[in-house]
Protein backbone atom coordinates (compact mmCIF):
# COMPACT_ATOMS: atom_id res chain seq x y z
CA MET A 1 -4.47 -1.28 -30.19
CA HIS A 2 -3.44 -4.19 -28.11
CA GLY A 3 -0.03 -3.92 -26.25
CA TRP A 4 -0.32 -0.02 -26.07
CA ARG A 5 0.04 0.98 -22.40
CA PRO A 6 0.52 4.66 -21.96
CA GLU A 7 0.18 4.14 -18.29
CA THR A 8 3.57 2.26 -18.24
CA CYS A 9 5.38 4.60 -20.53
CA ALA A 10 7.10 7.59 -18.69
CA ARG A 11 6.67 9.93 -21.61
CA PHE A 12 2.86 9.53 -21.27
CA GLU A 13 2.53 10.04 -17.50
CA THR A 14 3.08 13.82 -17.72
CA ASP A 15 0.74 14.25 -20.68
CA LEU A 16 -2.05 12.27 -19.15
CA ARG A 17 -1.71 14.08 -15.74
CA ARG A 18 -1.80 17.36 -17.52
CA ILE A 19 -4.77 16.52 -19.60
CA ALA A 20 -6.69 15.38 -16.48
CA GLU A 21 -5.81 18.69 -14.76
CA GLY A 22 -6.92 20.77 -17.74
CA ARG A 23 -3.38 22.09 -18.11
CA HIS A 24 -2.09 20.39 -21.39
CA HIS A 25 -1.18 22.88 -24.19
CA ASP A 26 -2.24 20.44 -26.98
CA PRO A 27 -4.41 17.54 -25.74
CA HIS A 28 -5.29 16.39 -29.22
CA ALA A 29 -1.69 15.58 -29.83
CA VAL A 30 -2.30 12.86 -27.25
CA LEU A 31 -5.98 12.09 -27.53
CA GLY A 32 -7.91 10.49 -30.36
CA LEU A 33 -6.75 8.23 -33.06
CA HIS A 34 -3.08 7.77 -33.97
CA SER A 35 -2.17 5.59 -36.89
CA GLU A 36 1.14 3.60 -37.14
CA PRO A 37 2.23 1.28 -39.88
CA ASP A 38 1.30 -1.73 -38.03
CA GLN A 39 -1.51 -0.54 -35.94
CA HIS A 40 -4.04 2.10 -34.89
CA ARG A 41 -4.22 3.56 -31.41
CA PHE A 42 -7.15 5.54 -29.90
CA LEU A 43 -6.94 7.29 -26.51
CA ALA A 44 -10.09 8.93 -24.92
CA TYR A 45 -10.47 11.00 -21.85
CA ILE A 46 -14.02 10.74 -20.62
CA PRO A 47 -14.41 11.36 -16.76
CA ALA A 48 -18.02 10.62 -16.57
CA ALA A 49 -17.82 7.34 -18.36
CA SER A 50 -17.90 3.81 -16.69
CA ASP A 51 -17.47 2.12 -20.05
CA VAL A 52 -16.50 3.11 -23.55
CA VAL A 53 -17.21 1.39 -26.75
CA LEU A 54 -15.61 2.52 -30.03
CA GLU A 55 -17.95 1.87 -32.85
CA GLY A 56 -16.44 -0.80 -35.09
CA VAL A 57 -13.84 -1.72 -32.62
CA GLY A 58 -15.46 -2.64 -29.50
CA PRO A 59 -14.90 -1.73 -25.84
CA LEU A 60 -11.96 0.35 -24.79
CA PRO A 61 -10.22 -0.83 -21.63
CA ARG A 62 -9.98 1.77 -18.83
CA LEU A 63 -6.29 2.65 -17.99
CA ALA A 64 -5.55 1.81 -14.46
CA ASP A 65 -6.85 4.33 -11.90
CA SER A 66 -7.78 6.98 -14.35
CA ASP A 67 -10.59 8.33 -16.66
CA PHE A 68 -8.63 7.38 -19.75
CA PHE A 69 -9.66 4.69 -22.23
CA ALA A 70 -7.24 3.07 -24.76
C-alpha cells in the first residue's frame, strides 16, 4: 500500500471527484481492495471519519484535502 498516491495520479483525480460528488457510474471499481502482484491497495471514502484503521493492516492515511483514505 505504500507509495500509492491516487491524489498525484491524473487518472484518479476525476474518479475521486466524481465519487465525492455522488456521480461516479462504478465507484467500486475505484474503492475497496485492489490486488496487484507485488502489493495490495485499499481505498476508502468515509466523509464522516477523522481516522480510519483497517483491521490487520493499521491506520490508513487520509489523502490530502479529501475524505478518502488509502
